[in-house]
Amino acid sequence: MNKKPILILTLFLGFLMYNFTASAQQAYVKPKLSNKDSWSLVLIPDPQSYVKFERNVPLVNLMAAWIKENVGQYRQLPNL
């Protein structure tokens, strides 16, 4: 059996996979508000429904971490 065509095909497919995965994602750019007087409102669902099942707790943690990471970047309204 001739192994050369299989080797060439494997290398070609590997090159294609590397090329497409390397260029598929762009660098993350944090969102910015275009107007300095703009404000944002963050809505999260009722956490009671998330903590009811242990498998959903990481979702609440992820939402809270995003808010904590991004809260200082935006103009905040005073607490009422």
C-alpha atoms as a PDB file:
ATOM      1  CA  MET A   1       0.000   0.000   0.000  1.00  0.00           C
ATOM      2  CA  ASN A   2       1.288   3.426  -0.933  1.00  0.00           C
ATOM      3  CA  LYS A   3       1.447   5.649   2.169  1.00  0.00           C
ATOM      4  CA  LYS A   4       2.493   8.820   0.378  1.00  0.00           C
ATOM      5  CA  PRO A   5      -1.045   9.956  -0.662  1.00  0.00           C
ATOM      6  CA  ILE A   6      -2.332   9.347   2.880  1.00  0.00           C
ATOM      7  CA  LEU A   7       0.538  11.361   4.348  1.00  0.00           C
ATOM      8  CA  ILE A   8      -0.054  14.237   1.916  1.00  0.00           C
ATOM      9  CA  LEU A   9      -3.793  14.212   2.635  1.00  0.00           C
ATOM     10  CA  THR A  10      -3.165  14.177   6.382  1.00  0.00           C
ATOM     11  CA  LEU A  11      -0.753  17.101   6.165  1.00  0.00           C
ATOM     12  CA  PHE A  12      -3.152  19.036   3.934  1.00  0.00           C
ATOM     13  CA  LEU A  13      -6.106  18.498   6.282  1.00  0.00           C
ATOM     14  CA  GLY A  14      -3.941  19.430   9.268  1.00  0.00           C
ATOM     15  CA  PHE A  15      -2.893  22.634   7.518  1.00  0.00           C
ATOM     16  CA  LEU A  16      -6.521  23.491   6.729  1.00  0.00           C
ATOM     17  CA  MET A  17      -7.648  22.872  10.297  1.00  0.00           C
ATOM     18  CA  TYR A  18      -4.802  24.962  11.718  1.00  0.00           C
ATOM     19  CA  ASN A  19      -5.369  27.767   9.228  1.00  0.00           C
ATOM     20  CA  PHE A  20      -9.119  28.043   9.852  1.00  0.00           C
ATOM     21  CA  THR A  21      -8.951  27.737  13.628  1.00  0.00           C
ATOM     22  CA  ALA A  22      -6.144  30.283  13.882  1.00  0.00           C
ATOM     23  CA  SER A  23      -8.095  32.894  11.918  1.00  0.00           C
ATOM     24  CA  ALA A  24     -11.598  32.080  13.149  1.00  0.00           C
ATOM     25  CA  GLN A  25     -11.525  34.167  16.321  1.00  0.00           C
ATOM     26  CA  GLN A  26     -10.640  37.794  16.682  1.00  0.00           C
ATOM     27  CA  ALA A  27      -9.092  39.331  19.762  1.00  0.00           C
ATOM     28  CA  TYR A  28     -11.638  40.296  22.425  1.00  0.00           C
ATOM     29  CA  VAL A  29     -12.366  44.011  22.644  1.00  0.00           C
ATOM     30  CA  LYS A  30     -14.275  45.235  25.677  1.00  0.00           C
ATOM     31  CA  PRO A  31     -17.452  47.090  24.750  1.00  0.00           C
ATOM     32  CA  LYS A  32     -17.430  50.856  25.138  1.00  0.00           C
ATOM     33  CA  LEU A  33     -20.279  53.314  25.377  1.00  0.00           C
ATOM     34  CA  SER A  34     -20.131  55.793  22.525  1.00  0.00           C
ATOM     35  CA  ASN A  35     -21.635  58.685  24.486  1.00  0.00           C
ATOM     36  CA  LYS A  36     -20.071  59.769  27.783  1.00  0.00           C
ATOM     37  CA  ASP A  37     -23.549  60.457  29.222  1.00  0.00           C
ATOM     38  CA  SER A  38     -24.798  56.969  28.363  1.00  0.00           C
ATOM     39  CA  TRP A  39     -25.517  54.380  31.004  1.00  0.00           C
ATOM     40  CA  SER A  40     -26.122  50.663  31.072  1.00  0.00           C
ATOM     41  CA  LEU A  41     -28.572  48.509  32.907  1.00  0.00           C
ATOM     42  CA  VAL A  42     -27.595  44.940  33.735  1.00  0.00           C
ATOM     43  CA  LEU A  43     -30.470  42.528  34.175  1.00  0.00           C
ATOM     44  CA  ILE A  44     -29.982  39.073  35.574  1.00  0.00           C
ATOM     45  CA  PRO A  45     -32.698  36.480  36.050  1.00  0.00           C
ATOM     46  CA  ASP A  46     -33.936  35.486  39.477  1.00  0.00           C
ATOM     47  CA  PRO A  47     -30.980  33.666  41.064  1.00  0.00           C
ATOM     48  CA  GLN A  48     -33.302  31.466  43.143  1.00  0.00           C
ATOM     49  CA  SER A  49     -34.180  29.498  40.026  1.00  0.00           C
ATOM     50  CA  TYR A  50     -30.482  29.010  39.269  1.00  0.00           C
ATOM     51  CA  VAL A  51     -29.334  27.880  42.693  1.00  0.00           C
ATOM     52  CA  LYS A  52     -32.181  25.401  42.985  1.00  0.00           C
ATOM     53  CA  PHE A  53     -30.089  22.921  40.984  1.00  0.00           C
ATOM     54  CA  GLU A  54     -26.371  22.569  41.614  1.00  0.00           C
ATOM     55  CA  ARG A  55     -25.565  22.287  37.903  1.00  0.00           C
ATOM     56  CA  ASN A  56     -26.819  25.860  37.353  1.00  0.00           C
ATOM     57  CA  VAL A  57     -24.727  27.551  40.060  1.00  0.00           C
ATOM     58  CA  PRO A  58     -21.747  28.157  37.711  1.00  0.00           C
ATOM     59  CA  LEU A  59     -24.063  30.242  35.511  1.00  0.00           C
ATOM     60  CA  VAL A  60     -24.827  32.581  38.412  1.00  0.00           C
ATOM     61  CA  ASN A  61     -21.127  32.760  39.232  1.00  0.00           C
ATOM     62  CA  LEU A  62     -20.313  33.592  35.613  1.00  0.00           C
ATOM     63  CA  MET A  63     -22.895  36.391  35.492  1.00  0.00           C
ATOM     64  CA  ALA A  64     -21.679  37.848  38.783  1.00  0.00           C
ATOM     65  CA  ALA A  65     -18.048  37.678  37.660  1.00  0.00           C
ATOM     66  CA  TRP A  66     -18.880  39.514  34.424  1.00  0.00           C
ATOM     67  CA  ILE A  67     -20.660  42.258  36.351  1.00  0.00           C
ATOM     68  CA  LYS A  68     -17.791  42.569  38.830  1.00  0.00           C
ATOM     69  CA  GLU A  69     -15.249  42.732  36.002  1.00  0.00           C
ATOM     70  CA  ASN A  70     -17.130  45.342  33.985  1.00  0.00           C
ATOM     71  CA  VAL A  71     -18.852  47.549  36.570  1.00  0.00           C
ATOM     72  CA  GLY A  72     -15.988  50.022  36.963  1.00  0.00           C
ATOM     73  CA  GLN A  73     -15.780  50.595  33.245  1.00  0.00           C
ATOM     74  CA  TYR A  74     -19.193  52.193  32.968  1.00  0.00           C
ATOM     75  CA  ARG A  75     -20.736  55.268  34.502  1.00  0.00           C
ATOM     76  CA  GLN A  76     -22.773  54.244  37.503  1.00  0.00           C
ATOM     77  CA  LEU A  77     -26.001  55.781  38.653  1.00  0.00           C
ATOM     78  CA  PRO A  78     -26.263  56.565  42.339  1.00  0.00           C
ATOM     79  CA  ASN A  79     -27.916  53.920  44.477  1.00  0.00           C
ATOM     80  CA  LEU A  80     -31.503  54.790  45.205  1.00  0.00           C
END
